[in-house]
Amino acid sequence: MKITRIFSDENGESHFEDIEIPLINQGEIGFLSEDINVKKLQFRKVSADYDYDFHHAPQKQYIVLLDGGVEIKTSLGEIRQFQTGEILLVEDISGKGHKTKNLKKKMRTSLFIHL
């Protein structure tokens, strides 16, 4: 399963990295990843005009986009768009951070899974 990681390098610049989460065939119940230890889970809604300037993640976390897409810009200017159902692993808890905005002018819901 592919997810996108956002992280900071030793110079504080943020980057994207596509990573693969291995899934193991468990027969009738499907394919499962290995267990991942988590601390907390939060639901979040943002306003239709959400456009958040450069910031770091408050902690290492997965973000699952539940209904709506985002555009994320790294400190080096790389831009990617992510849609409903995509998963981000956000690890840029220091450095210059990233910028995030809604793709459409509508409220958006996401799930934060703190690591």
PDB file of N, CA and C in Angstrom:
ATOM      1  N   MET A   1       0.845  -1.162   0.000  1.00  0.00           N
ATOM      2  CA  MET A   1       0.000   0.000   0.000  1.00  0.00           C
ATOM      3  C   MET A   1       0.896   1.232   0.000  1.00  0.00           C
ATOM      4  N   LYS A   2       0.641   2.162  -0.918  1.00  0.00           N
ATOM      5  CA  LYS A   2       1.479   3.354  -1.032  1.00  0.00           C
ATOM      6  C   LYS A   2       0.925   4.488  -0.173  1.00  0.00           C
ATOM      7  N   ILE A   3       1.809   5.141   0.566  1.00  0.00           N
ATOM      8  CA  ILE A   3       1.463   6.370   1.272  1.00  0.00           C
ATOM      9  C   ILE A   3       2.574   7.382   1.002  1.00  0.00           C
ATOM     10  N   THR A   4       2.307   8.635   1.335  1.00  0.00           N
ATOM     11  CA  THR A   4       3.306   9.685   1.139  1.00  0.00           C
ATOM     12  C   THR A   4       3.787  10.186   2.487  1.00  0.00           C
ATOM     13  N   ARG A   5       5.089  10.245   2.624  1.00  0.00           N
ATOM     14  CA  ARG A   5       5.732  10.752   3.841  1.00  0.00           C
ATOM     15  C   ARG A   5       6.183  12.183   3.587  1.00  0.00           C
ATOM     16  N   ILE A   6       5.976  13.058   4.573  1.00  0.00           N
ATOM     17  CA  ILE A   6       6.502  14.421   4.549  1.00  0.00           C
ATOM     18  C   ILE A   6       7.473  14.523   5.715  1.00  0.00           C
ATOM     19  N   PHE A   7       8.715  14.896   5.421  1.00  0.00           N
ATOM     20  CA  PHE A   7       9.744  14.916   6.462  1.00  0.00           C
ATOM     21  C   PHE A   7      10.685  16.089   6.242  1.00  0.00           C
ATOM     22  N   SER A   8      11.460  16.419   7.275  1.00  0.00           N
ATOM     23  CA  SER A   8      12.475  17.475   7.199  1.00  0.00           C
ATOM     24  C   SER A   8      13.855  16.849   7.132  1.00  0.00           C
ATOM     25  N   ASP A   9      14.721  17.444   6.298  1.00  0.00           N
ATOM     26  CA  ASP A   9      16.103  16.976   6.237  1.00  0.00           C
ATOM     27  C   ASP A   9      16.952  17.710   7.274  1.00  0.00           C
ATOM     28  N   GLU A  10      18.260  17.450   7.273  1.00  0.00           N
ATOM     29  CA  GLU A  10      19.158  18.045   8.273  1.00  0.00           C
ATOM     30  C   GLU A  10      19.272  19.560   8.138  1.00  0.00           C
ATOM     31  N   ASN A  11      18.865  20.122   6.994  1.00  0.00           N
ATOM     32  CA  ASN A  11      18.880  21.578   6.798  1.00  0.00           C
ATOM     33  C   ASN A  11      17.530  22.222   7.099  1.00  0.00           C
ATOM     34  N   GLY A  12      16.562  21.418   7.547  1.00  0.00           N
ATOM     35  CA  GLY A  12      15.241  21.936   7.881  1.00  0.00           C
ATOM     36  C   GLY A  12      14.294  22.052   6.702  1.00  0.00           C
ATOM     37  N   GLU A  13      14.705  21.567   5.527  1.00  0.00           N
ATOM     38  CA  GLU A  13      13.844  21.624   4.341  1.00  0.00           C
ATOM     39  C   GLU A  13      12.885  20.436   4.350  1.00  0.00           C
ATOM     40  N   SER A  14      11.643  20.676   3.939  1.00  0.00           N
ATOM     41  CA  SER A  14      10.661  19.596   3.903  1.00  0.00           C
ATOM     42  C   SER A  14      10.639  18.943   2.525  1.00  0.00           C
ATOM     43  N   HIS A  15      10.339  17.640   2.533  1.00  0.00           N
ATOM     44  CA  HIS A  15      10.348  16.826   1.313  1.00  0.00           C
ATOM     45  C   HIS A  15       9.180  15.848   1.335  1.00  0.00           C
ATOM     46  N   PHE A  16       8.814  15.377   0.141  1.00  0.00           N
ATOM     47  CA  PHE A  16       7.894  14.257  -0.015  1.00  0.00           C
ATOM     48  C   PHE A  16       8.713  12.992  -0.267  1.00  0.00           C
ATOM     49  N   GLU A  17       8.190  11.873   0.198  1.00  0.00           N
ATOM     50  CA  GLU A  17       8.761  10.568  -0.133  1.00  0.00           C
ATOM     51  C   GLU A  17       7.615   9.574  -0.246  1.00  0.00           C
ATOM     52  N   ASP A  18       7.550   8.857  -1.351  1.00  0.00           N
ATOM     53  CA  ASP A  18       6.549   7.802  -1.500  1.00  0.00           C
ATOM     54  C   ASP A  18       7.100   6.549  -0.844  1.00  0.00           C
ATOM     55  N   ILE A  19       6.315   5.981   0.058  1.00  0.00           N
ATOM     56  CA  ILE A  19       6.756   4.758   0.729  1.00  0.00           C
ATOM     57  C   ILE A  19       5.689   3.681   0.579  1.00  0.00           C
ATOM     58  N   GLU A  20       6.119   2.467   0.682  1.00  0.00           N
ATOM     59  CA  GLU A  20       5.243   1.317   0.542  1.00  0.00           C
ATOM     60  C   GLU A  20       5.092   0.640   1.900  1.00  0.00           C
ATOM     61  N   ILE A  21       3.853   0.433   2.323  1.00  0.00           N
ATOM     62  CA  ILE A  21       3.564  -0.319   3.546  1.00  0.00           C
ATOM     63  C   ILE A  21       3.289  -1.761   3.107  1.00  0.00           C
ATOM     64  N   PRO A  22       4.134  -2.713   3.503  1.00  0.00           N
ATOM     65  CA  PRO A  22       3.912  -4.102   3.075  1.00  0.00           C
ATOM     66  C   PRO A  22       2.631  -4.670   3.689  1.00  0.00           C
ATOM     67  N   LEU A  23       1.890  -5.387   2.883  1.00  0.00           N
ATOM     68  CA  LEU A  23       0.683  -6.072   3.338  1.00  0.00           C
ATOM     69  C   LEU A  23       0.887  -7.568   3.159  1.00  0.00           C
ATOM     70  N   ILE A  24       0.439  -8.329   4.143  1.00  0.00           N
ATOM     71  CA  ILE A  24       0.639  -9.778   4.147  1.00  0.00           C
ATOM     72  C   ILE A  24      -0.713 -10.460   3.960  1.00  0.00           C
ATOM     73  N   ASN A  25      -0.769 -11.422   3.060  1.00  0.00           N
ATOM     74  CA  ASN A  25      -2.000 -12.151   2.782  1.00  0.00           C
ATOM     75  C   ASN A  25      -2.401 -12.955   4.017  1.00  0.00           C
ATOM     76  N   GLN A  26      -3.577 -12.648   4.536  1.00  0.00           N
ATOM     77  CA  GLN A  26      -4.104 -13.345   5.711  1.00  0.00           C
ATOM     78  C   GLN A  26      -5.316 -14.203   5.347  1.00  0.00           C
ATOM     79  N   GLY A  27      -5.400 -14.579   4.086  1.00  0.00           N
ATOM     80  CA  GLY A  27      -6.493 -15.448   3.653  1.00  0.00           C
ATOM     81  C   GLY A  27      -7.801 -14.696   3.505  1.00  0.00           C
ATOM     82  N   GLU A  28      -8.875 -15.283   4.037  1.00  0.00           N
ATOM     83  CA  GLU A  28     -10.220 -14.739   3.850  1.00  0.00           C
ATOM     84  C   GLU A  28     -10.394 -13.325   4.379  1.00  0.00           C
ATOM     85  N   ILE A  29      -9.625 -12.948   5.391  1.00  0.00           N
ATOM     86  CA  ILE A  29      -9.810 -11.596   5.943  1.00  0.00           C
ATOM     87  C   ILE A  29      -9.065 -10.535   5.147  1.00  0.00           C
ATOM     88  N   GLY A  30      -8.262 -10.949   4.169  1.00  0.00           N
ATOM     89  CA  GLY A  30      -7.592  -9.979   3.312  1.00  0.00           C
ATOM     90  C   GLY A  30      -6.116  -9.823   3.625  1.00  0.00           C
ATOM     91  N   PHE A  31      -5.567  -8.696   3.200  1.00  0.00           N
ATOM     92  CA  PHE A  31      -4.147  -8.379   3.364  1.00  0.00           C
ATOM     93  C   PHE A  31      -3.996  -7.366   4.489  1.00  0.00           C
ATOM     94  N   LEU A  32      -3.102  -7.635   5.426  1.00  0.00           N
ATOM     95  CA  LEU A  32      -2.909  -6.762   6.582  1.00  0.00           C
ATOM     96  C   LEU A  32      -1.453  -6.335   6.691  1.00  0.00           C
ATOM     97  N   SER A  33      -1.263  -5.112   7.204  1.00  0.00           N
ATOM     98  CA  SER A  33       0.092  -4.665   7.538  1.00  0.00           C
ATOM     99  C   SER A  33       0.454  -5.236   8.902  1.00  0.00           C
ATOM    100  N   GLU A  34       1.711  -5.076   9.266  1.00  0.00           N
ATOM    101  CA  GLU A  34       2.085  -5.388  10.644  1.00  0.00           C
ATOM    102  C   GLU A  34       1.465  -4.329  11.544  1.00  0.00           C
ATOM    103  N   ASP A  35       1.319  -4.635  12.827  1.00  0.00           N
ATOM    104  CA  ASP A  35       0.770  -3.668  13.778  1.00  0.00           C
ATOM    105  C   ASP A  35       1.653  -2.429  13.845  1.00  0.00           C
ATOM    106  N   ILE A  36       1.017  -1.282  14.003  1.00  0.00           N
ATOM    107  CA  ILE A  36       1.712  -0.009  14.179  1.00  0.00           C
ATOM    108  C   ILE A  36       1.240   0.576  15.504  1.00  0.00           C
ATOM    109  N   ASN A  37       2.155   0.815  16.425  1.00  0.00           N
ATOM    110  CA  ASN A  37       1.782   1.394  17.710  1.00  0.00           C
ATOM    111  C   ASN A  37       1.393   2.855  17.526  1.00  0.00           C
ATOM    112  N   VAL A  38       0.260   3.234  18.111  1.00  0.00           N
ATOM    113  CA  VAL A  38      -0.211   4.617  18.032  1.00  0.00           C
ATOM    114  C   VAL A  38      -0.513   5.120  19.438  1.00  0.00           C
ATOM    115  N   LYS A  39      -0.518   6.465  19.589  1.00  0.00           N
ATOM    116  CA  LYS A  39      -0.784   7.075  20.894  1.00  0.00           C
ATOM    117  C   LYS A  39      -2.220   7.545  21.022  1.00  0.00           C
ATOM    118  N   LYS A  40      -2.683   8.305  20.030  1.00  0.00           N
ATOM    119  CA  LYS A  40      -4.021   8.896  20.087  1.00  0.00           C
ATOM    120  C   LYS A  40      -4.597   8.974  18.689  1.00  0.00           C
ATOM    121  N   LEU A  41      -5.879   9.295  18.643  1.00  0.00           N
ATOM    122  CA  LEU A  41      -6.586   9.474  17.387  1.00  0.00           C
ATOM    123  C   LEU A  41      -7.457  10.713  17.512  1.00  0.00           C
ATOM    124  N   GLN A  42      -7.483  11.551  16.489  1.00  0.00           N
ATOM    125  CA  GLN A  42      -8.312  12.762  16.491  1.00  0.00           C
ATOM    126  C   GLN A  42      -9.027  12.888  15.160  1.00  0.00           C
ATOM    127  N   PHE A  43     -10.269  13.385  15.205  1.00  0.00           N
ATOM    128  CA  PHE A  43     -10.988  13.765  14.001  1.00  0.00           C
ATOM    129  C   PHE A  43     -10.878  15.274  13.852  1.00  0.00           C
ATOM    130  N   ARG A  44     -10.838  15.755  12.609  1.00  0.00           N
ATOM    131  CA  ARG A  44     -10.734  17.202  12.392  1.00  0.00           C
ATOM    132  C   ARG A  44     -11.574  17.611  11.196  1.00  0.00           C
ATOM    133  N   LYS A  45     -12.217  18.771  11.328  1.00  0.00           N
ATOM    134  CA  LYS A  45     -12.900  19.433  10.220  1.00  0.00           C
ATOM    135  C   LYS A  45     -12.256  20.786  10.045  1.00  0.00           C
ATOM    136  N   VAL A  46     -12.057  21.197   8.790  1.00  0.00           N
ATOM    137  CA  VAL A  46     -11.535  22.536   8.519  1.00  0.00           C
ATOM    138  C   VAL A  46     -12.528  23.278   7.643  1.00  0.00           C
ATOM    139  N   SER A  47     -12.478  24.604   7.727  1.00  0.00           N
ATOM    140  CA  SER A  47     -13.402  25.450   6.976  1.00  0.00           C
ATOM    141  C   SER A  47     -13.139  25.355   5.476  1.00  0.00           C
ATOM    142  N   ALA A  48     -14.105  25.790   4.709  1.00  0.00           N
ATOM    143  CA  ALA A  48     -14.026  25.733   3.247  1.00  0.00           C
ATOM    144  C   ALA A  48     -12.843  26.530   2.704  1.00  0.00           C
ATOM    145  N   ASP A  49     -12.475  27.607   3.384  1.00  0.00           N
ATOM    146  CA  ASP A  49     -11.394  28.467   2.886  1.00  0.00           C
ATOM    147  C   ASP A  49     -10.031  28.136   3.514  1.00  0.00           C
ATOM    148  N   TYR A  50      -9.874  26.919   4.014  1.00  0.00           N
ATOM    149  CA  TYR A  50      -8.631  26.498   4.676  1.00  0.00           C
ATOM    150  C   TYR A  50      -7.431  26.691   3.756  1.00  0.00           C
ATOM    151  N   ASP A  51      -6.489  27.505   4.204  1.00  0.00           N
ATOM    152  CA  ASP A  51      -5.251  27.795   3.471  1.00  0.00           C
ATOM    153  C   ASP A  51      -4.216  28.163   4.528  1.00  0.00           C
ATOM    154  N   TYR A  52      -3.494  27.158   5.030  1.00  0.00           N
ATOM    155  CA  TYR A  52      -2.621  27.301   6.189  1.00  0.00           C
ATOM    156  C   TYR A  52      -1.185  27.484   5.721  1.00  0.00           C
ATOM    157  N   ASP A  53      -0.598  28.631   6.066  1.00  0.00           N
ATOM    158  CA  ASP A  53       0.758  28.957   5.641  1.00  0.00           C
ATOM    159  C   ASP A  53       1.757  27.965   6.249  1.00  0.00           C
ATOM    160  N   PHE A  54       3.015  28.138   5.965  1.00  0.00           N
ATOM    161  CA  PHE A  54       4.041  27.178   6.380  1.00  0.00           C
ATOM    162  C   PHE A  54       3.991  26.900   7.884  1.00  0.00           C
ATOM    163  N   HIS A  55       4.008  25.620   8.213  1.00  0.00           N
ATOM    164  CA  HIS A  55       3.904  25.143   9.598  1.00  0.00           C
ATOM    165  C   HIS A  55       4.528  23.754   9.661  1.00  0.00           C
ATOM    166  N   HIS A  56       4.908  23.317  10.865  1.00  0.00           N
ATOM    167  CA  HIS A  56       5.323  21.921  11.011  1.00  0.00           C
ATOM    168  C   HIS A  56       4.162  21.144  11.605  1.00  0.00           C
ATOM    169  N   ALA A  57       4.276  19.833  11.489  1.00  0.00           N
ATOM    170  CA  ALA A  57       3.317  18.945  12.140  1.00  0.00           C
ATOM    171  C   ALA A  57       3.504  19.068  13.655  1.00  0.00           C
ATOM    172  N   PRO A  58       2.414  19.037  14.437  1.00  0.00           N
ATOM    173  CA  PRO A  58       2.540  19.142  15.892  1.00  0.00           C
ATOM    174  C   PRO A  58       3.177  17.906  16.530  1.00  0.00           C
ATOM    175  N   GLN A  59       3.095  16.773  15.845  1.00  0.00           N
ATOM    176  CA  GLN A  59       3.735  15.528  16.260  1.00  0.00           C
ATOM    177  C   GLN A  59       3.772  14.616  15.041  1.00  0.00           C
ATOM    178  N   LYS A  60       4.533  13.536  15.125  1.00  0.00           N
ATOM    179  CA  LYS A  60       4.512  12.562  14.035  1.00  0.00           C
ATOM    180  C   LYS A  60       3.129  11.942  14.007  1.00  0.00           C
ATOM    181  N   GLN A  61       2.550  11.884  12.810  1.00  0.00           N
ATOM    182  CA  GLN A  61       1.190  11.374  12.720  1.00  0.00           C
ATOM    183  C   GLN A  61       0.852  10.948  11.299  1.00  0.00           C
ATOM    184  N   TYR A  62      -0.100  10.026  11.211  1.00  0.00           N
ATOM    185  CA  TYR A  62      -0.732   9.725   9.935  1.00  0.00           C
ATOM    186  C   TYR A  62      -1.912  10.669   9.799  1.00  0.00           C
ATOM    187  N   ILE A  63      -2.166  11.124   8.580  1.00  0.00           N
ATOM    188  CA  ILE A  63      -3.369  11.897   8.281  1.00  0.00           C
ATOM    189  C   ILE A  63      -4.107  11.144   7.184  1.00  0.00           C
ATOM    190  N   VAL A  64      -5.369  10.806   7.453  1.00  0.00           N
ATOM    191  CA  VAL A  64      -6.219  10.126   6.484  1.00  0.00           C
ATOM    192  C   VAL A  64      -7.253  11.139   6.008  1.00  0.00           C
ATOM    193  N   LEU A  65      -7.280  11.398   4.719  1.00  0.00           N
ATOM    194  CA  LEU A  65      -8.240  12.350   4.150  1.00  0.00           C
ATOM    195  C   LEU A  65      -9.574  11.631   3.973  1.00  0.00           C
ATOM    196  N   LEU A  66     -10.575  12.051   4.739  1.00  0.00           N
ATOM    197  CA  LEU A  66     -11.859  11.355   4.739  1.00  0.00           C
ATOM    198  C   LEU A  66     -12.832  11.883   3.700  1.00  0.00           C
ATOM    199  N   ASP A  67     -12.813  13.179   3.435  1.00  0.00           N
ATOM    200  CA  ASP A  67     -13.746  13.734   2.441  1.00  0.00           C
ATOM    201  C   ASP A  67     -13.225  15.056   1.888  1.00  0.00           C
ATOM    202  N   GLY A  68     -12.439  14.990   0.896  1.00  0.00           N
ATOM    203  CA  GLY A  68     -11.919  16.199   0.269  1.00  0.00           C
ATOM    204  C   GLY A  68     -10.422  16.120   0.106  1.00  0.00           C
ATOM    205  N   GLY A  69      -9.929  16.903  -0.836  1.00  0.00           N
ATOM    206  CA  GLY A  69      -8.517  16.868  -1.153  1.00  0.00           C
ATOM    207  C   GLY A  69      -7.768  18.084  -0.656  1.00  0.00           C
ATOM    208  N   VAL A  70      -6.447  17.966  -0.648  1.00  0.00           N
ATOM    209  CA  VAL A  70      -5.569  19.060  -0.232  1.00  0.00           C
ATOM    210  C   VAL A  70      -4.421  19.200  -1.223  1.00  0.00           C
ATOM    211  N   GLU A  71      -3.868  20.407  -1.228  1.00  0.00           N
ATOM    212  CA  GLU A  71      -2.623  20.664  -1.934  1.00  0.00           C
ATOM    213  C   GLU A  71      -1.590  20.989  -0.874  1.00  0.00           C
ATOM    214  N   ILE A  72      -0.445  20.324  -0.941  1.00  0.00           N
ATOM    215  CA  ILE A  72       0.625  20.555   0.028  1.00  0.00           C
ATOM    216  C   ILE A  72       1.865  21.010  -0.727  1.00  0.00           C
ATOM    217  N   LYS A  73       2.498  22.053  -0.184  1.00  0.00           N
ATOM    218  CA  LYS A  73       3.717  22.607  -0.772  1.00  0.00           C
ATOM    219  C   LYS A  73       4.837  22.469   0.244  1.00  0.00           C
ATOM    220  N   THR A  74       5.971  21.898  -0.174  1.00  0.00           N
ATOM    221  CA  THR A  74       7.129  21.777   0.711  1.00  0.00           C
ATOM    222  C   THR A  74       7.895  23.095   0.747  1.00  0.00           C
ATOM    223  N   SER A  75       8.842  23.189   1.662  1.00  0.00           N
ATOM    224  CA  SER A  75       9.660  24.403   1.775  1.00  0.00           C
ATOM    225  C   SER A  75      10.519  24.631   0.535  1.00  0.00           C
ATOM    226  N   LEU A  76      10.774  23.583  -0.239  1.00  0.00           N
ATOM    227  CA  LEU A  76      11.564  23.716  -1.466  1.00  0.00           C
ATOM    228  C   LEU A  76      10.694  24.006  -2.691  1.00  0.00           C
ATOM    229  N   GLY A  77       9.375  24.134  -2.471  1.00  0.00           N
ATOM    230  CA  GLY A  77       8.474  24.512  -3.557  1.00  0.00           C
ATOM    231  C   GLY A  77       7.816  23.371  -4.297  1.00  0.00           C
ATOM    232  N   GLU A  78       8.102  22.116  -3.933  1.00  0.00           N
ATOM    233  CA  GLU A  78       7.425  20.991  -4.585  1.00  0.00           C
ATOM    234  C   GLU A  78       5.972  20.960  -4.124  1.00  0.00           C
ATOM    235  N   ILE A  79       5.057  20.767  -5.065  1.00  0.00           N
ATOM    236  CA  ILE A  79       3.625  20.758  -4.772  1.00  0.00           C
ATOM    237  C   ILE A  79       3.037  19.423  -5.204  1.00  0.00           C
ATOM    238  N   ARG A  80       2.223  18.845  -4.323  1.00  0.00           N
ATOM    239  CA  ARG A  80       1.472  17.632  -4.658  1.00  0.00           C
ATOM    240  C   ARG A  80       0.040  17.805  -4.184  1.00  0.00           C
ATOM    241  N   GLN A  81      -0.858  17.131  -4.883  1.00  0.00           N
ATOM    242  CA  GLN A  81      -2.262  17.117  -4.489  1.00  0.00           C
ATOM    243  C   GLN A  81      -2.632  15.715  -4.023  1.00  0.00           C
ATOM    244  N   PHE A  82      -3.467  15.673  -2.989  1.00  0.00           N
ATOM    245  CA  PHE A  82      -3.906  14.418  -2.397  1.00  0.00           C
ATOM    246  C   PHE A  82      -5.426  14.429  -2.313  1.00  0.00           C
ATOM    247  N   GLN A  83      -6.027  13.277  -2.559  1.00  0.00           N
ATOM    248  CA  GLN A  83      -7.480  13.169  -2.654  1.00  0.00           C
ATOM    249  C   GLN A  83      -8.053  12.337  -1.504  1.00  0.00           C
ATOM    250  N   THR A  84      -9.382  12.348  -1.408  1.00  0.00           N
ATOM    251  CA  THR A  84     -10.102  11.547  -0.424  1.00  0.00           C
ATOM    252  C   THR A  84      -9.568  10.113  -0.416  1.00  0.00           C
ATOM    253  N   GLY A  85      -9.321   9.596   0.781  1.00  0.00           N
ATOM    254  CA  GLY A  85      -8.858   8.223   0.940  1.00  0.00           C
ATOM    255  C   GLY A  85      -7.353   8.071   0.998  1.00  0.00           C
ATOM    256  N   GLU A  86      -6.614   9.101   0.603  1.00  0.00           N
ATOM    257  CA  GLU A  86      -5.157   8.992   0.644  1.00  0.00           C
ATOM    258  C   GLU A  86      -4.647   9.185   2.073  1.00  0.00           C
ATOM    259  N   ILE A  87      -3.460   8.626   2.330  1.00  0.00           N
ATOM    260  CA  ILE A  87      -2.861   8.649   3.665  1.00  0.00           C
ATOM    261  C   ILE A  87      -1.498   9.314   3.587  1.00  0.00           C
ATOM    262  N   LEU A  88      -1.256  10.222   4.527  1.00  0.00           N
ATOM    263  CA  LEU A  88       0.030  10.910   4.638  1.00  0.00           C
ATOM    264  C   LEU A  88       0.678  10.524   5.957  1.00  0.00           C
ATOM    265  N   LEU A  89       1.981  10.348   5.949  1.00  0.00           N
ATOM    266  CA  LEU A  89       2.764  10.184   7.172  1.00  0.00           C
ATOM    267  C   LEU A  89       3.540  11.482   7.337  1.00  0.00           C
ATOM    268  N   VAL A  90       3.130  12.296   8.297  1.00  0.00           N
ATOM    269  CA  VAL A  90       3.697  13.633   8.457  1.00  0.00           C
ATOM    270  C   VAL A  90       4.712  13.599   9.597  1.00  0.00           C
ATOM    271  N   GLU A  91       5.986  13.865   9.253  1.00  0.00           N
ATOM    272  CA  GLU A  91       7.072  13.790  10.227  1.00  0.00           C
ATOM    273  C   GLU A  91       7.925  15.052  10.257  1.00  0.00           C
ATOM    274  N   ASP A  92       7.484  16.117   9.626  1.00  0.00           N
ATOM    275  CA  ASP A  92       8.279  17.361   9.634  1.00  0.00           C
ATOM    276  C   ASP A  92       7.931  18.193  10.871  1.00  0.00           C
ATOM    277  N   ILE A  93       8.339  17.672  12.023  1.00  0.00           N
ATOM    278  CA  ILE A  93       8.000  18.325  13.297  1.00  0.00           C
ATOM    279  C   ILE A  93       8.978  19.440  13.657  1.00  0.00           C
ATOM    280  N   SER A  94       9.971  19.656  12.817  1.00  0.00           N
ATOM    281  CA  SER A  94      10.898  20.777  12.977  1.00  0.00           C
ATOM    282  C   SER A  94      11.264  21.266  11.581  1.00  0.00           C
ATOM    283  N   GLY A  95      12.015  22.347  11.514  1.00  0.00           N
ATOM    284  CA  GLY A  95      12.423  22.880  10.223  1.00  0.00           C
ATOM    285  C   GLY A  95      11.424  23.881   9.687  1.00  0.00           C
ATOM    286  N   LYS A  96      11.411  24.038   8.375  1.00  0.00           N
ATOM    287  CA  LYS A  96      10.606  25.075   7.724  1.00  0.00           C
ATOM    288  C   LYS A  96       9.150  24.679   7.525  1.00  0.00           C
ATOM    289  N   GLY A  97       8.855  23.388   7.562  1.00  0.00           N
ATOM    290  CA  GLY A  97       7.477  22.933   7.476  1.00  0.00           C
ATOM    291  C   GLY A  97       6.934  22.880   6.059  1.00  0.00           C
ATOM    292  N   HIS A  98       5.607  22.830   5.977  1.00  0.00           N
ATOM    293  CA  HIS A  98       4.898  22.715   4.715  1.00  0.00           C
ATOM    294  C   HIS A  98       3.658  23.604   4.753  1.00  0.00           C
ATOM    295  N   LYS A  99       3.089  23.857   3.604  1.00  0.00           N
ATOM    296  CA  LYS A  99       1.883  24.680   3.468  1.00  0.00           C
ATOM    297  C   LYS A  99       0.760  23.783   2.959  1.00  0.00           C
ATOM    298  N   THR A 100      -0.455  23.987   3.474  1.00  0.00           N
ATOM    299  CA  THR A 100      -1.586  23.135   3.111  1.00  0.00           C
ATOM    300  C   THR A 100      -2.804  23.982   2.778  1.00  0.00           C
ATOM    301  N   LYS A 101      -3.518  23.603   1.706  1.00  0.00           N
ATOM    302  CA  LYS A 101      -4.788  24.275   1.402  1.00  0.00           C
ATOM    303  C   LYS A 101      -5.761  23.287   0.779  1.00  0.00           C
ATOM    304  N   ASN A 102      -7.047  23.569   0.979  1.00  0.00           N
ATOM    305  CA  ASN A 102      -8.096  22.747   0.385  1.00  0.00           C
ATOM    306  C   ASN A 102      -8.055  22.859  -1.131  1.00  0.00           C
ATOM    307  N   LEU A 103      -8.379  21.768  -1.812  1.00  0.00           N
ATOM    308  CA  LEU A 103      -8.491  21.812  -3.270  1.00  0.00           C
ATOM    309  C   LEU A 103      -9.800  22.453  -3.703  1.00  0.00           C
ATOM    310  N   LYS A 104     -10.859  22.235  -2.930  1.00  0.00           N
ATOM    311  CA  LYS A 104     -12.173  22.812  -3.241  1.00  0.00           C
ATOM    312  C   LYS A 104     -12.639  23.644  -2.061  1.00  0.00           C
ATOM    313  N   LYS A 105     -13.454  24.616  -2.328  1.00  0.00           N
ATOM    314  CA  LYS A 105     -13.993  25.507  -1.292  1.00  0.00           C
ATOM    315  C   LYS A 105     -15.164  24.819  -0.587  1.00  0.00           C
ATOM    316  N   LYS A 106     -14.842  23.815   0.204  1.00  0.00           N
ATOM    317  CA  LYS A 106     -15.851  23.124   1.020  1.00  0.00           C
ATOM    318  C   LYS A 106     -15.177  22.607   2.278  1.00  0.00           C
ATOM    319  N   MET A 107     -15.982  22.420   3.324  1.00  0.00           N
ATOM    320  CA  MET A 107     -15.429  21.864   4.560  1.00  0.00           C
ATOM    321  C   MET A 107     -14.820  20.498   4.259  1.00  0.00           C
ATOM    322  N   ARG A 108     -13.764  20.189   4.988  1.00  0.00           N
ATOM    323  CA  ARG A 108     -13.046  18.933   4.768  1.00  0.00           C
ATOM    324  C   ARG A 108     -12.811  18.245   6.105  1.00  0.00           C
ATOM    325  N   THR A 109     -12.945  16.919   6.104  1.00  0.00           N
ATOM    326  CA  THR A 109     -12.756  16.117   7.310  1.00  0.00           C
ATOM    327  C   THR A 109     -11.542  15.209   7.135  1.00  0.00           C
ATOM    328  N   SER A 110     -10.758  15.102   8.199  1.00  0.00           N
ATOM    329  CA  SER A 110      -9.609  14.194   8.174  1.00  0.00           C
ATOM    330  C   SER A 110      -9.463  13.521   9.530  1.00  0.00           C
ATOM    331  N   LEU A 111      -8.651  12.502   9.548  1.00  0.00           N
ATOM    332  CA  LEU A 111      -8.383  11.722  10.748  1.00  0.00           C
ATOM    333  C   LEU A 111      -6.894  11.815  11.031  1.00  0.00           C
ATOM    334  N   PHE A 112      -6.540  12.208  12.257  1.00  0.00           N
ATOM    335  CA  PHE A 112      -5.145  12.248  12.693  1.00  0.00           C
ATOM    336  C   PHE A 112      -4.893  11.031  13.576  1.00  0.00           C
ATOM    337  N   ILE A 113      -3.840  10.294  13.280  1.00  0.00           N
ATOM    338  CA  ILE A 113      -3.445   9.151  14.099  1.00  0.00           C
ATOM    339  C   ILE A 113      -2.046   9.451  14.616  1.00  0.00           C
ATOM    340  N   HIS A 114      -1.941   9.821  15.884  1.00  0.00           N
ATOM    341  CA  HIS A 114      -0.678  10.264  16.481  1.00  0.00           C
ATOM    342  C   HIS A 114       0.225   9.072  16.775  1.00  0.00           C
ATOM    343  N   LEU A 115       1.493   9.238  16.441  1.00  0.00           N
ATOM    344  CA  LEU A 115       2.479   8.167  16.657  1.00  0.00           C
ATOM    345  C   LEU A 115       3.381   8.475  17.840  1.00  0.00           C
TER     346      LEU A 115
END
